[in-house]
Amino acid sequence: MPDTGYLIAAVAVCTVITWSLRALPFAALAPLRGSATVGYLSRHMPVGVMVILAAYTLRDITPAQLSVTGPALVVTLALHLWRRNAVLSVLTGTALHVTLTTLLAHS
């Protein structure tokens, strides 16, 4: 069994490394806050990421799976266009997809 001093030193080193790694992104981004490039990316990247995720998700879909995925996708898109709230639309679409999958799998 390691002695107490060794354990305290190990915990201290882990604490410093963890704290430093968590603080590093904030320290690195502070000078970039006023950058035009970062402003552009913050406006356009969420849409780009969602398009890539949707394309990746739908790339292997079969026509049989459209009975579940189609309504969930339409509701997600409509809710997002209506409310402009990504969290609300994604959670609602996911809940609908899970519900339809469960109901159609047991029927």
PDB file of N, CA and C in Angstrom:
ATOM      1  N   MET A   1       0.850  -1.190   0.000  1.00  0.00           N
ATOM      2  CA  MET A   1       0.000   0.000   0.000  1.00  0.00           C
ATOM      3  C   MET A   1       0.884   1.237   0.000  1.00  0.00           C
ATOM      4  N   PRO A   2       0.639   2.186  -0.947  1.00  0.00           N
ATOM      5  CA  PRO A   2       1.441   3.413  -0.983  1.00  0.00           C
ATOM      6  C   PRO A   2       1.226   4.240   0.287  1.00  0.00           C
ATOM      7  N   ASP A   3       2.268   4.982   0.650  1.00  0.00           N
ATOM      8  CA  ASP A   3       2.136   5.801   1.856  1.00  0.00           C
ATOM      9  C   ASP A   3       1.262   7.022   1.587  1.00  0.00           C
ATOM     10  N   THR A   4       0.848   7.687   2.642  1.00  0.00           N
ATOM     11  CA  THR A   4      -0.098   8.803   2.564  1.00  0.00           C
ATOM     12  C   THR A   4       0.457   9.963   1.741  1.00  0.00           C
ATOM     13  N   GLY A   5       1.727  10.269   1.899  1.00  0.00           N
ATOM     14  CA  GLY A   5       2.335  11.370   1.140  1.00  0.00           C
ATOM     15  C   GLY A   5       2.266  11.143  -0.359  1.00  0.00           C
ATOM     16  N   TYR A   6       2.512   9.913  -0.785  1.00  0.00           N
ATOM     17  CA  TYR A   6       2.452   9.570  -2.202  1.00  0.00           C
ATOM     18  C   TYR A   6       1.028   9.755  -2.730  1.00  0.00           C
ATOM     19  N   LEU A   7       0.035   9.288  -1.973  1.00  0.00           N
ATOM     20  CA  LEU A   7      -1.359   9.421  -2.395  1.00  0.00           C
ATOM     21  C   LEU A   7      -1.792  10.879  -2.474  1.00  0.00           C
ATOM     22  N   ILE A   8      -1.377  11.687  -1.508  1.00  0.00           N
ATOM     23  CA  ILE A   8      -1.721  13.110  -1.523  1.00  0.00           C
ATOM     24  C   ILE A   8      -1.074  13.789  -2.734  1.00  0.00           C
ATOM     25  N   ALA A   9       0.191  13.442  -3.009  1.00  0.00           N
ATOM     26  CA  ALA A   9       0.871  14.020  -4.168  1.00  0.00           C
ATOM     27  C   ALA A   9       0.183  13.609  -5.468  1.00  0.00           C
ATOM     28  N   ALA A  10      -0.233  12.355  -5.573  1.00  0.00           N
ATOM     29  CA  ALA A  10      -0.917  11.882  -6.780  1.00  0.00           C
ATOM     30  C   ALA A  10      -2.240  12.614  -6.978  1.00  0.00           C
ATOM     31  N   VAL A  11      -3.001  12.784  -5.911  1.00  0.00           N
ATOM     32  CA  VAL A  11      -4.275  13.500  -6.003  1.00  0.00           C
ATOM     33  C   VAL A  11      -4.028  14.960  -6.364  1.00  0.00           C
ATOM     34  N   ALA A  12      -2.994  15.570  -5.790  1.00  0.00           N
ATOM     35  CA  ALA A  12      -2.681  16.973  -6.091  1.00  0.00           C
ATOM     36  C   ALA A  12      -2.291  17.142  -7.558  1.00  0.00           C
ATOM     37  N   VAL A  13      -1.469  16.244  -8.074  1.00  0.00           N
ATOM     38  CA  VAL A  13      -1.064  16.320  -9.483  1.00  0.00           C
ATOM     39  C   VAL A  13      -2.274  16.141 -10.396  1.00  0.00           C
ATOM     40  N   CYS A  14      -3.115  15.175 -10.087  1.00  0.00           N
ATOM     41  CA  CYS A  14      -4.333  14.955 -10.892  1.00  0.00           C
ATOM     42  C   CYS A  14      -5.252  16.172 -10.843  1.00  0.00           C
ATOM     43  N   THR A  15      -5.360  16.792  -9.684  1.00  0.00           N
ATOM     44  CA  THR A  15      -6.206  17.979  -9.535  1.00  0.00           C
ATOM     45  C   THR A  15      -5.682  19.129 -10.382  1.00  0.00           C
ATOM     46  N   VAL A  16      -4.379  19.365 -10.327  1.00  0.00           N
ATOM     47  CA  VAL A  16      -3.783  20.452 -11.108  1.00  0.00           C
ATOM     48  C   VAL A  16      -3.944  20.199 -12.606  1.00  0.00           C
ATOM     49  N   ILE A  17      -3.709  18.991 -13.043  1.00  0.00           N
ATOM     50  CA  ILE A  17      -3.841  18.663 -14.467  1.00  0.00           C
ATOM     51  C   ILE A  17      -5.290  18.820 -14.922  1.00  0.00           C
ATOM     52  N   THR A  18      -6.232  18.292 -14.132  1.00  0.00           N
ATOM     53  CA  THR A  18      -7.653  18.398 -14.491  1.00  0.00           C
ATOM     54  C   THR A  18      -8.091  19.853 -14.550  1.00  0.00           C
ATOM     55  N   TRP A  19      -7.743  20.643 -13.545  1.00  0.00           N
ATOM     56  CA  TRP A  19      -8.128  22.046 -13.514  1.00  0.00           C
ATOM     57  C   TRP A  19      -7.515  22.794 -14.690  1.00  0.00           C
ATOM     58  N   SER A  20      -6.254  22.523 -14.970  1.00  0.00           N
ATOM     59  CA  SER A  20      -5.580  23.198 -16.085  1.00  0.00           C
ATOM     60  C   SER A  20      -6.223  22.863 -17.426  1.00  0.00           C
ATOM     61  N   LEU A  21      -6.542  21.588 -17.634  1.00  0.00           N
ATOM     62  CA  LEU A  21      -7.160  21.191 -18.902  1.00  0.00           C
ATOM     63  C   LEU A  21      -8.550  21.780 -19.067  1.00  0.00           C
ATOM     64  N   ARG A  22      -9.253  21.962 -17.981  1.00  0.00           N
ATOM     65  CA  ARG A  22     -10.584  22.575 -18.073  1.00  0.00           C
ATOM     66  C   ARG A  22     -10.507  24.079 -18.266  1.00  0.00           C
ATOM     67  N   ALA A  23      -9.485  24.723 -17.749  1.00  0.00           N
ATOM     68  CA  ALA A  23      -9.338  26.173 -17.876  1.00  0.00           C
ATOM     69  C   ALA A  23      -8.696  26.581 -19.206  1.00  0.00           C
ATOM     70  N   LEU A  24      -7.924  25.685 -19.803  1.00  0.00           N
ATOM     71  CA  LEU A  24      -7.189  26.003 -21.028  1.00  0.00           C
ATOM     72  C   LEU A  24      -8.076  26.515 -22.171  1.00  0.00           C
ATOM     73  N   PRO A  25      -9.201  25.874 -22.477  1.00  0.00           N
ATOM     74  CA  PRO A  25     -10.030  26.407 -23.580  1.00  0.00           C
ATOM     75  C   PRO A  25     -10.521  27.827 -23.333  1.00  0.00           C
ATOM     76  N   PHE A  26     -10.864  28.148 -22.087  1.00  0.00           N
ATOM     77  CA  PHE A  26     -11.337  29.502 -21.791  1.00  0.00           C
ATOM     78  C   PHE A  26     -10.202  30.509 -21.943  1.00  0.00           C
ATOM     79  N   ALA A  27      -9.014  30.149 -21.514  1.00  0.00           N
ATOM     80  CA  ALA A  27      -7.867  31.037 -21.652  1.00  0.00           C
ATOM     81  C   ALA A  27      -7.488  31.221 -23.118  1.00  0.00           C
ATOM     82  N   ALA A  28      -7.596  30.162 -23.903  1.00  0.00           N
ATOM     83  CA  ALA A  28      -7.243  30.243 -25.321  1.00  0.00           C
ATOM     84  C   ALA A  28      -8.287  31.017 -26.123  1.00  0.00           C
ATOM     85  N   LEU A  29      -9.547  30.943 -25.732  1.00  0.00           N
ATOM     86  CA  LEU A  29     -10.609  31.614 -26.478  1.00  0.00           C
ATOM     87  C   LEU A  29     -10.779  33.083 -26.107  1.00  0.00           C
ATOM     88  N   ALA A  30     -10.287  33.484 -24.964  1.00  0.00           N
ATOM     89  CA  ALA A  30     -10.473  34.873 -24.526  1.00  0.00           C
ATOM     90  C   ALA A  30      -9.990  35.882 -25.568  1.00  0.00           C
ATOM     91  N   PRO A  31      -8.791  35.725 -26.153  1.00  0.00           N
ATOM     92  CA  PRO A  31      -8.362  36.707 -27.161  1.00  0.00           C
ATOM     93  C   PRO A  31      -9.153  36.623 -28.467  1.00  0.00           C
ATOM     94  N   LEU A  32      -9.831  35.515 -28.714  1.00  0.00           N
ATOM     95  CA  LEU A  32     -10.550  35.341 -29.980  1.00  0.00           C
ATOM     96  C   LEU A  32     -11.984  35.863 -29.946  1.00  0.00           C
ATOM     97  N   ARG A  33     -12.447  36.309 -28.804  1.00  0.00           N
ATOM     98  CA  ARG A  33     -13.852  36.736 -28.674  1.00  0.00           C
ATOM     99  C   ARG A  33     -14.239  37.817 -29.675  1.00  0.00           C
ATOM    100  N   GLY A  34     -13.349  38.735 -29.973  1.00  0.00           N
ATOM    101  CA  GLY A  34     -13.658  39.827 -30.904  1.00  0.00           C
ATOM    102  C   GLY A  34     -13.322  39.527 -32.349  1.00  0.00           C
ATOM    103  N   SER A  35     -12.885  38.319 -32.644  1.00  0.00           N
ATOM    104  CA  SER A  35     -12.462  37.967 -33.994  1.00  0.00           C
ATOM    105  C   SER A  35     -13.661  37.843 -34.932  1.00  0.00           C
ATOM    106  N   ALA A  36     -13.520  38.351 -36.139  1.00  0.00           N
ATOM    107  CA  ALA A  36     -14.587  38.252 -37.134  1.00  0.00           C
ATOM    108  C   ALA A  36     -14.805  36.805 -37.563  1.00  0.00           C
ATOM    109  N   THR A  37     -13.723  36.031 -37.619  1.00  0.00           N
ATOM    110  CA  THR A  37     -13.831  34.622 -38.015  1.00  0.00           C
ATOM    111  C   THR A  37     -14.632  33.833 -36.991  1.00  0.00           C
ATOM    112  N   VAL A  38     -14.361  34.064 -35.721  1.00  0.00           N
ATOM    113  CA  VAL A  38     -15.093  33.356 -34.665  1.00  0.00           C
ATOM    114  C   VAL A  38     -16.565  33.770 -34.675  1.00  0.00           C
ATOM    115  N   GLY A  39     -16.829  35.037 -34.933  1.00  0.00           N
ATOM    116  CA  GLY A  39     -18.218  35.491 -35.039  1.00  0.00           C
ATOM    117  C   GLY A  39     -18.955  34.810 -36.182  1.00  0.00           C
ATOM    118  N   TYR A  40     -18.276  34.706 -37.323  1.00  0.00           N
ATOM    119  CA  TYR A  40     -18.870  34.031 -38.479  1.00  0.00           C
ATOM    120  C   TYR A  40     -19.148  32.565 -38.165  1.00  0.00           C
ATOM    121  N   LEU A  41     -18.177  31.882 -37.567  1.00  0.00           N
ATOM    122  CA  LEU A  41     -18.353  30.466 -37.237  1.00  0.00           C
ATOM    123  C   LEU A  41     -19.459  30.254 -36.212  1.00  0.00           C
ATOM    124  N   SER A  42     -19.578  31.159 -35.257  1.00  0.00           N
ATOM    125  CA  SER A  42     -20.622  30.997 -34.241  1.00  0.00           C
ATOM    126  C   SER A  42     -22.020  31.159 -34.836  1.00  0.00           C
ATOM    127  N   ARG A  43     -22.131  31.919 -35.920  1.00  0.00           N
ATOM    128  CA  ARG A  43     -23.436  32.081 -36.573  1.00  0.00           C
ATOM    129  C   ARG A  43     -23.762  30.932 -37.522  1.00  0.00           C
ATOM    130  N   HIS A  44     -22.751  30.385 -38.203  1.00  0.00           N
ATOM    131  CA  HIS A  44     -23.011  29.421 -39.261  1.00  0.00           C
ATOM    132  C   HIS A  44     -22.722  27.966 -38.914  1.00  0.00           C
ATOM    133  N   MET A  45     -21.902  27.703 -37.943  1.00  0.00           N
ATOM    134  CA  MET A  45     -21.546  26.313 -37.623  1.00  0.00           C
ATOM    135  C   MET A  45     -22.707  25.485 -37.075  1.00  0.00           C
ATOM    136  N   PRO A  46     -23.586  26.031 -36.224  1.00  0.00           N
ATOM    137  CA  PRO A  46     -24.687  25.193 -35.737  1.00  0.00           C
ATOM    138  C   PRO A  46     -25.530  24.626 -36.874  1.00  0.00           C
ATOM    139  N   VAL A  47     -25.828  25.417 -37.879  1.00  0.00           N
ATOM    140  CA  VAL A  47     -26.605  24.937 -39.017  1.00  0.00           C
ATOM    141  C   VAL A  47     -25.802  23.888 -39.783  1.00  0.00           C
ATOM    142  N   GLY A  48     -24.531  24.141 -39.995  1.00  0.00           N
ATOM    143  CA  GLY A  48     -23.682  23.194 -40.710  1.00  0.00           C
ATOM    144  C   GLY A  48     -23.578  21.862 -39.988  1.00  0.00           C
ATOM    145  N   VAL A  49     -23.410  21.920 -38.688  1.00  0.00           N
ATOM    146  CA  VAL A  49     -23.327  20.684 -37.900  1.00  0.00           C
ATOM    147  C   VAL A  49     -24.638  19.914 -37.979  1.00  0.00           C
ATOM    148  N   MET A  50     -25.759  20.597 -37.883  1.00  0.00           N
ATOM    149  CA  MET A  50     -27.060  19.913 -37.951  1.00  0.00           C
ATOM    150  C   MET A  50     -27.276  19.277 -39.325  1.00  0.00           C
ATOM    151  N   VAL A  51     -26.865  19.951 -40.386  1.00  0.00           N
ATOM    152  CA  VAL A  51     -27.005  19.388 -41.731  1.00  0.00           C
ATOM    153  C   VAL A  51     -26.156  18.132 -41.868  1.00  0.00           C
ATOM    154  N   ILE A  52     -24.930  18.186 -41.383  1.00  0.00           N
ATOM    155  CA  ILE A  52     -24.051  17.015 -41.454  1.00  0.00           C
ATOM    156  C   ILE A  52     -24.627  15.860 -40.638  1.00  0.00           C
ATOM    157  N   LEU A  53     -25.117  16.141 -39.429  1.00  0.00           N
ATOM    158  CA  LEU A  53     -25.711  15.085 -38.599  1.00  0.00           C
ATOM    159  C   LEU A  53     -26.957  14.490 -39.253  1.00  0.00           C
ATOM    160  N   ALA A  54     -27.788  15.324 -39.845  1.00  0.00           N
ATOM    161  CA  ALA A  54     -28.995  14.822 -40.506  1.00  0.00           C
ATOM    162  C   ALA A  54     -28.623  13.960 -41.714  1.00  0.00           C
ATOM    163  N   ALA A  55     -27.671  14.416 -42.506  1.00  0.00           N
ATOM    164  CA  ALA A  55     -27.245  13.622 -43.667  1.00  0.00           C
ATOM    165  C   ALA A  55     -26.643  12.295 -43.235  1.00  0.00           C
ATOM    166  N   TYR A  56     -25.848  12.326 -42.187  1.00  0.00           N
ATOM    167  CA  TYR A  56     -25.226  11.094 -41.679  1.00  0.00           C
ATOM    168  C   TYR A  56     -26.292  10.133 -41.161  1.00  0.00           C
ATOM    169  N   THR A  57     -27.283  10.664 -40.483  1.00  0.00           N
ATOM    170  CA  THR A  57     -28.345   9.827 -39.919  1.00  0.00           C
ATOM    171  C   THR A  57     -29.215   9.216 -41.006  1.00  0.00           C
ATOM    172  N   LEU A  58     -29.504   9.970 -42.041  1.00  0.00           N
ATOM    173  CA  LEU A  58     -30.454   9.528 -43.066  1.00  0.00           C
ATOM    174  C   LEU A  58     -29.798   8.803 -44.241  1.00  0.00           C
ATOM    175  N   ARG A  59     -28.488   8.674 -44.271  1.00  0.00           N
ATOM    176  CA  ARG A  59     -27.812   8.108 -45.433  1.00  0.00           C
ATOM    177  C   ARG A  59     -28.154   6.647 -45.689  1.00  0.00           C
ATOM    178  N   ASP A  60     -28.408   5.851 -44.680  1.00  0.00           N
ATOM    179  CA  ASP A  60     -28.672   4.419 -44.843  1.00  0.00           C
ATOM    180  C   ASP A  60     -30.131   4.040 -44.597  1.00  0.00           C
ATOM    181  N   ILE A  61     -31.011   5.014 -44.624  1.00  0.00           N
ATOM    182  CA  ILE A  61     -32.404   4.724 -44.300  1.00  0.00           C
ATOM    183  C   ILE A  61     -33.092   3.991 -45.456  1.00  0.00           C
ATOM    184  N   THR A  62     -33.911   3.033 -45.110  1.00  0.00           N
ATOM    185  CA  THR A  62     -34.670   2.285 -46.110  1.00  0.00           C
ATOM    186  C   THR A  62     -36.094   2.830 -46.167  1.00  0.00           C
ATOM    187  N   PRO A  63     -36.812   2.562 -47.259  1.00  0.00           N
ATOM    188  CA  PRO A  63     -38.199   3.046 -47.334  1.00  0.00           C
ATOM    189  C   PRO A  63     -39.076   2.522 -46.201  1.00  0.00           C
ATOM    190  N   ALA A  64     -38.810   1.328 -45.702  1.00  0.00           N
ATOM    191  CA  ALA A  64     -39.599   0.780 -44.597  1.00  0.00           C
ATOM    192  C   ALA A  64     -39.403   1.579 -43.318  1.00  0.00           C
ATOM    193  N   GLN A  65     -38.229   2.143 -43.140  1.00  0.00           N
ATOM    194  CA  GLN A  65     -37.949   2.912 -41.932  1.00  0.00           C
ATOM    195  C   GLN A  65     -38.552   4.314 -41.980  1.00  0.00           C
ATOM    196  N   LEU A  66     -38.999   4.734 -43.138  1.00  0.00           N
ATOM    197  CA  LEU A  66     -39.586   6.071 -43.255  1.00  0.00           C
ATOM    198  C   LEU A  66     -40.880   6.229 -42.469  1.00  0.00           C
ATOM    199  N   SER A  67     -41.563   5.127 -42.168  1.00  0.00           N
ATOM    200  CA  SER A  67     -42.808   5.221 -41.394  1.00  0.00           C
ATOM    201  C   SER A  67     -42.543   5.737 -39.988  1.00  0.00           C
ATOM    202  N   VAL A  68     -41.349   5.525 -39.486  1.00  0.00           N
ATOM    203  CA  VAL A  68     -40.973   6.023 -38.168  1.00  0.00           C
ATOM    204  C   VAL A  68     -40.168   7.303 -38.282  1.00  0.00           C
ATOM    205  N   THR A  69     -39.167   7.280 -39.134  1.00  0.00           N
ATOM    206  CA  THR A  69     -38.249   8.405 -39.231  1.00  0.00           C
ATOM    207  C   THR A  69     -38.889   9.616 -39.903  1.00  0.00           C
ATOM    208  N   GLY A  70     -39.729   9.387 -40.894  1.00  0.00           N
ATOM    209  CA  GLY A  70     -40.362  10.479 -41.622  1.00  0.00           C
ATOM    210  C   GLY A  70     -41.156  11.429 -40.745  1.00  0.00           C
ATOM    211  N   PRO A  71     -42.145  10.917 -39.989  1.00  0.00           N
ATOM    212  CA  PRO A  71     -42.918  11.829 -39.129  1.00  0.00           C
ATOM    213  C   PRO A  71     -42.059  12.544 -38.084  1.00  0.00           C
ATOM    214  N   ALA A  72     -41.105  11.826 -37.510  1.00  0.00           N
ATOM    215  CA  ALA A  72     -40.238  12.450 -36.510  1.00  0.00           C
ATOM    216  C   ALA A  72     -39.392  13.552 -37.135  1.00  0.00           C
ATOM    217  N   LEU A  73     -38.912  13.316 -38.336  1.00  0.00           N
ATOM    218  CA  LEU A  73     -38.108  14.315 -39.033  1.00  0.00           C
ATOM    219  C   LEU A  73     -38.947  15.540 -39.382  1.00  0.00           C
ATOM    220  N   VAL A  74     -40.149  15.311 -39.881  1.00  0.00           N
ATOM    221  CA  VAL A  74     -41.037  16.432 -40.252  1.00  0.00           C
ATOM    222  C   VAL A  74     -41.400  17.256 -39.021  1.00  0.00           C
ATOM    223  N   VAL A  75     -41.746  16.584 -37.917  1.00  0.00           N
ATOM    224  CA  VAL A  75     -42.099  17.307 -36.691  1.00  0.00           C
ATOM    225  C   VAL A  75     -40.901  18.097 -36.166  1.00  0.00           C
ATOM    226  N   THR A  76     -39.729  17.480 -36.187  1.00  0.00           N
ATOM    227  CA  THR A  76     -38.519  18.162 -35.719  1.00  0.00           C
ATOM    228  C   THR A  76     -38.250  19.406 -36.558  1.00  0.00           C
ATOM    229  N   LEU A  77     -38.297  19.271 -37.852  1.00  0.00           N
ATOM    230  CA  LEU A  77     -38.041  20.397 -38.750  1.00  0.00           C
ATOM    231  C   LEU A  77     -39.093  21.494 -38.579  1.00  0.00           C
ATOM    232  N   ALA A  78     -40.361  21.107 -38.548  1.00  0.00           N
ATOM    233  CA  ALA A  78     -41.436  22.098 -38.405  1.00  0.00           C
ATOM    234  C   ALA A  78     -41.340  22.829 -37.068  1.00  0.00           C
ATOM    235  N   LEU A  79     -41.087  22.080 -36.006  1.00  0.00           N
ATOM    236  CA  LEU A  79     -40.983  22.708 -34.689  1.00  0.00           C
ATOM    237  C   LEU A  79     -39.787  23.650 -34.624  1.00  0.00           C
ATOM    238  N   HIS A  80     -38.693  23.251 -35.267  1.00  0.00           N
ATOM    239  CA  HIS A  80     -37.524  24.132 -35.255  1.00  0.00           C
ATOM    240  C   HIS A  80     -37.770  25.398 -36.072  1.00  0.00           C
ATOM    241  N   LEU A  81     -38.409  25.261 -37.219  1.00  0.00           N
ATOM    242  CA  LEU A  81     -38.714  26.447 -38.025  1.00  0.00           C
ATOM    243  C   LEU A  81     -39.711  27.365 -37.326  1.00  0.00           C
ATOM    244  N   TRP A  82     -40.611  26.780 -36.550  1.00  0.00           N
ATOM    245  CA  TRP A  82     -41.627  27.558 -35.852  1.00  0.00           C
ATOM    246  C   TRP A  82     -41.050  28.263 -34.621  1.00  0.00           C
ATOM    247  N   ARG A  83     -40.335  27.513 -33.759  1.00  0.00           N
ATOM    248  CA  ARG A  83     -39.878  28.063 -32.489  1.00  0.00           C
ATOM    249  C   ARG A  83     -38.414  28.523 -32.493  1.00  0.00           C
ATOM    250  N   ARG A  84     -37.617  28.066 -33.470  1.00  0.00           N
ATOM    251  CA  ARG A  84     -36.193  28.405 -33.534  1.00  0.00           C
ATOM    252  C   ARG A  84     -35.462  28.027 -32.237  1.00  0.00           C
ATOM    253  N   ASN A  85     -35.799  26.854 -31.714  1.00  0.00           N
ATOM    254  CA  ASN A  85     -35.187  26.368 -30.485  1.00  0.00           C
ATOM    255  C   ASN A  85     -34.664  24.961 -30.742  1.00  0.00           C
ATOM    256  N   ALA A  86     -33.355  24.828 -30.888  1.00  0.00           N
ATOM    257  CA  ALA A  86     -32.756  23.541 -31.245  1.00  0.00           C
ATOM    258  C   ALA A  86     -33.001  22.485 -30.177  1.00  0.00           C
ATOM    259  N   VAL A  87     -32.902  22.870 -28.921  1.00  0.00           N
ATOM    260  CA  VAL A  87     -33.092  21.890 -27.843  1.00  0.00           C
ATOM    261  C   VAL A  87     -34.514  21.351 -27.873  1.00  0.00           C
ATOM    262  N   LEU A  88     -35.487  22.233 -27.991  1.00  0.00           N
ATOM    263  CA  LEU A  88     -36.886  21.811 -28.030  1.00  0.00           C
ATOM    264  C   LEU A  88     -37.165  20.911 -29.220  1.00  0.00           C
ATOM    265  N   SER A  89     -36.688  21.302 -30.390  1.00  0.00           N
ATOM    266  CA  SER A  89     -36.982  20.517 -31.585  1.00  0.00           C
ATOM    267  C   SER A  89     -36.283  19.165 -31.563  1.00  0.00           C
ATOM    268  N   VAL A  90     -35.028  19.114 -31.124  1.00  0.00           N
ATOM    269  CA  VAL A  90     -34.304  17.841 -31.087  1.00  0.00           C
ATOM    270  C   VAL A  90     -34.906  16.910 -30.042  1.00  0.00           C
ATOM    271  N   LEU A  91     -35.210  17.421 -28.861  1.00  0.00           N
ATOM    272  CA  LEU A  91     -35.803  16.565 -27.825  1.00  0.00           C
ATOM    273  C   LEU A  91     -37.188  16.065 -28.234  1.00  0.00           C
ATOM    274  N   THR A  92     -37.987  16.925 -28.832  1.00  0.00           N
ATOM    275  CA  THR A  92     -39.317  16.507 -29.274  1.00  0.00           C
ATOM    276  C   THR A  92     -39.220  15.475 -30.392  1.00  0.00           C
ATOM    277  N   GLY A  93     -38.348  15.721 -31.361  1.00  0.00           N
ATOM    278  CA  GLY A  93     -38.167  14.766 -32.448  1.00  0.00           C
ATOM    279  C   GLY A  93     -37.650  13.428 -31.957  1.00  0.00           C
ATOM    280  N   THR A  94     -36.725  13.454 -31.024  1.00  0.00           N
ATOM    281  CA  THR A  94     -36.199  12.211 -30.458  1.00  0.00           C
ATOM    282  C   THR A  94     -37.280  11.457 -29.703  1.00  0.00           C
ATOM    283  N   ALA A  95     -38.047  12.172 -28.891  1.00  0.00           N
ATOM    284  CA  ALA A  95     -39.129  11.524 -28.138  1.00  0.00           C
ATOM    285  C   ALA A  95     -40.164  10.915 -29.082  1.00  0.00           C
ATOM    286  N   LEU A  96     -40.519  11.636 -30.144  1.00  0.00           N
ATOM    287  CA  LEU A  96     -41.476  11.099 -31.108  1.00  0.00           C
ATOM    288  C   LEU A  96     -40.908   9.874 -31.813  1.00  0.00           C
ATOM    289  N   HIS A  97     -39.649   9.928 -32.196  1.00  0.00           N
ATOM    290  CA  HIS A  97     -39.022   8.795 -32.867  1.00  0.00           C
ATOM    291  C   HIS A  97     -39.002   7.563 -31.967  1.00  0.00           C
ATOM    292  N   VAL A  98     -38.629   7.745 -30.714  1.00  0.00           N
ATOM    293  CA  VAL A  98     -38.602   6.620 -29.768  1.00  0.00           C
ATOM    294  C   VAL A  98     -40.007   6.077 -29.537  1.00  0.00           C
ATOM    295  N   THR A  99     -40.976   6.968 -29.412  1.00  0.00           N
ATOM    296  CA  THR A  99     -42.363   6.535 -29.216  1.00  0.00           C
ATOM    297  C   THR A  99     -42.876   5.750 -30.413  1.00  0.00           C
ATOM    298  N   LEU A 100     -42.660   6.268 -31.610  1.00  0.00           N
ATOM    299  CA  LEU A 100     -43.116   5.563 -32.812  1.00  0.00           C
ATOM    300  C   LEU A 100     -42.391   4.229 -32.985  1.00  0.00           C
ATOM    301  N   THR A 101     -41.106   4.219 -32.713  1.00  0.00           N
ATOM    302  CA  THR A 101     -40.352   2.973 -32.822  1.00  0.00           C
ATOM    303  C   THR A 101     -40.901   1.935 -31.852  1.00  0.00           C
ATOM    304  N   THR A 102     -41.172   2.344 -30.634  1.00  0.00           N
ATOM    305  CA  THR A 102     -41.708   1.437 -29.622  1.00  0.00           C
ATOM    306  C   THR A 102     -43.107   0.933 -30.007  1.00  0.00           C
ATOM    307  N   LEU A 103     -43.967   1.841 -30.423  1.00  0.00           N
ATOM    308  CA  LEU A 103     -45.340   1.460 -30.777  1.00  0.00           C
ATOM    309  C   LEU A 103     -45.373   0.559 -32.007  1.00  0.00           C
ATOM    310  N   LEU A 104     -44.587   0.880 -33.021  1.00  0.00           N
ATOM    311  CA  LEU A 104     -44.618   0.096 -34.253  1.00  0.00           C
ATOM    312  C   LEU A 104     -43.884  -1.229 -34.099  1.00  0.00           C
ATOM    313  N   ALA A 105     -42.933  -1.303 -33.182  1.00  0.00           N
ATOM    314  CA  ALA A 105     -42.215  -2.560 -32.965  1.00  0.00           C
ATOM    315  C   ALA A 105     -43.077  -3.563 -32.228  1.00  0.00           C
ATOM    316  N   HIS A 106     -44.028  -3.077 -31.439  1.00  0.00           N
ATOM    317  CA  HIS A 106     -44.875  -3.975 -30.656  1.00  0.00           C
ATOM    318  C   HIS A 106     -46.237  -4.239 -31.311  1.00  0.00           C
ATOM    319  N   SER A 107     -46.424  -3.716 -32.496  1.00  0.00           N
ATOM    320  CA  SER A 107     -47.735  -3.945 -33.149  1.00  0.00           C
ATOM    321  C   SER A 107     -47.651  -4.997 -34.214  1.00  0.00           C
TER     322      SER A 107
END
